[in-house]
Amino acid sequence: MLSITDNNNLIVKAFATAWRYKNLYEGGVGIKKIAIDEKRDLRTIYKYLNLAYLSPKIINSALNGELHNHTNIQKLFLIADKYENFDEQEKAFYEIN
C-alpha cells in the first residue's frame, strides 16, 4: 500500500503526463503519433487525455494535497473516463473522497 505522500506524488505525475499529452494533441499531434512516440497503447493515451479534462475542482484538490488515502489515480482515471460533465465528475469524486 502506498503512503499518502507516494500516492499524491503518483497523482501529480499522472496530471503532468496528461497535460503534456493534451498540449501535444491540441497542438495538432495525432493520438496514434503520441502513442508511437511515447511507446504506449492508444487506450493509455486516451486515459491520460481524459484525465487532462477532469474538473478543475478535482484537480485543485489533488494538487493541494486534499485527497484521502482511498483516492488513487485509478479512481481518478475512472471518473475522468466515465463522466464528461464536471458536475457529474465532482459528485462521483466527493462520494469516494
Protein backbone atom coordinates (compact mmCIF):
# COMPACT_ATOMS: atom_id res chain seq x y z
CA MET A 1 0.00 0.00 0.00
CA LEU A 2 1.29 3.45 -0.93
CA SER A 3 1.82 6.15 1.64
CA ILE A 4 -0.32 9.27 1.25
CA THR A 5 2.76 11.16 0.01
CA ASP A 6 3.63 8.48 -2.55
CA ASN A 7 0.00 8.35 -3.69
CA ASN A 8 -0.14 12.13 -4.11
CA ASN A 9 3.18 12.13 -5.99
CA LEU A 10 1.85 9.47 -8.36
CA ILE A 11 -1.27 11.55 -8.98
CA VAL A 12 0.76 14.72 -9.67
CA LYS A 13 2.97 12.82 -12.12
CA ALA A 14 -0.14 11.49 -13.88
CA PHE A 15 -1.52 15.01 -14.25
CA ALA A 16 1.80 16.20 -15.65
CA THR A 17 1.74 13.41 -18.23
CA ALA A 18 -1.91 14.14 -19.02
CA TRP A 19 -1.24 17.83 -19.64
CA ARG A 20 1.79 17.03 -21.78
CA TYR A 21 -0.34 14.75 -23.98
CA LYS A 22 -3.09 17.38 -24.06
CA ASN A 23 -0.64 20.03 -25.25
CA LEU A 24 0.64 17.71 -27.98
CA TYR A 25 -2.89 16.79 -29.05
CA GLU A 26 -4.16 20.37 -29.05
CA GLY A 27 -1.01 21.36 -30.95
CA GLY A 28 -2.01 19.06 -33.79
CA VAL A 29 -0.20 15.82 -32.98
CA GLY A 30 -2.45 12.82 -33.60
CA ILE A 31 -3.28 10.24 -30.97
CA LYS A 32 -1.52 7.47 -32.89
CA LYS A 33 1.64 9.57 -33.21
CA ILE A 34 1.63 10.33 -29.48
CA ALA A 35 1.18 6.62 -28.72
CA ILE A 36 4.06 5.65 -31.01
CA ASP A 37 6.37 8.37 -29.70
CA GLU A 38 5.55 7.54 -26.07
CA LYS A 39 5.64 3.77 -26.66
CA ARG A 40 2.18 3.38 -25.15
CA ASP A 41 -1.03 1.91 -26.46
CA LEU A 42 -3.88 4.09 -27.69
CA ARG A 43 -6.07 3.30 -24.68
CA THR A 44 -3.42 4.63 -22.31
CA ILE A 45 -3.15 7.88 -24.27
CA TYR A 46 -6.93 8.29 -24.16
CA LYS A 47 -6.94 7.64 -20.39
CA TYR A 48 -4.43 10.41 -19.84
CA LEU A 49 -6.25 12.78 -22.19
CA ASN A 50 -9.47 12.19 -20.28
CA LEU A 51 -7.60 12.95 -17.07
CA ALA A 52 -6.38 16.24 -18.56
CA TYR A 53 -10.01 17.34 -18.94
CA LEU A 54 -11.03 16.44 -15.38
CA SER A 55 -12.92 19.01 -13.32
CA PRO A 56 -10.69 21.87 -12.16
CA LYS A 57 -12.08 21.47 -8.63
CA ILE A 58 -10.88 17.87 -8.50
CA ILE A 59 -7.50 18.79 -9.97
CA ASN A 60 -7.06 21.56 -7.40
CA SER A 61 -7.97 19.17 -4.58
CA ALA A 62 -5.36 16.73 -5.83
CA LEU A 63 -2.64 19.33 -6.28
CA ASN A 64 -3.36 20.89 -2.89
CA GLY A 65 -2.88 17.51 -1.20
CA GLU A 66 -6.52 17.33 -0.09
CA LEU A 67 -7.08 13.75 -1.18
CA HIS A 68 -7.74 11.00 1.30
CA ASN A 69 -5.70 7.82 1.13
CA HIS A 70 -8.54 5.90 -0.56
CA THR A 71 -8.50 8.24 -3.58
CA ASN A 72 -5.93 6.96 -6.04
CA ILE A 73 -5.01 7.53 -9.66
CA GLN A 74 -7.10 4.59 -10.85
CA LYS A 75 -10.23 6.14 -9.32
CA LEU A 76 -9.42 9.46 -10.95
CA PHE A 77 -8.92 7.73 -14.32
CA LEU A 78 -12.30 6.03 -13.84
CA ILE A 79 -14.10 9.28 -13.04
CA ALA A 80 -12.47 11.08 -15.96
CA ASP A 81 -13.38 8.25 -18.32
CA LYS A 82 -16.94 7.70 -17.13
CA TYR A 83 -18.20 11.27 -16.73
CA GLU A 84 -17.79 14.12 -19.21
CA ASN A 85 -19.68 16.74 -17.21
CA PHE A 86 -17.77 18.48 -14.41
CA ASP A 87 -20.78 18.31 -12.06
CA GLU A 88 -21.05 14.54 -12.52
CA GLN A 89 -17.28 14.14 -12.06
CA GLU A 90 -17.36 16.16 -8.85
CA LYS A 91 -20.33 14.24 -7.48
CA ALA A 92 -18.56 10.92 -8.10
CA PHE A 93 -15.31 12.27 -6.67
CA TYR A 94 -16.86 13.56 -3.45
CA GLU A 95 -18.68 10.27 -2.94
CA ILE A 96 -15.31 8.48 -2.76
CA ASN A 97 -13.23 11.22 -1.16
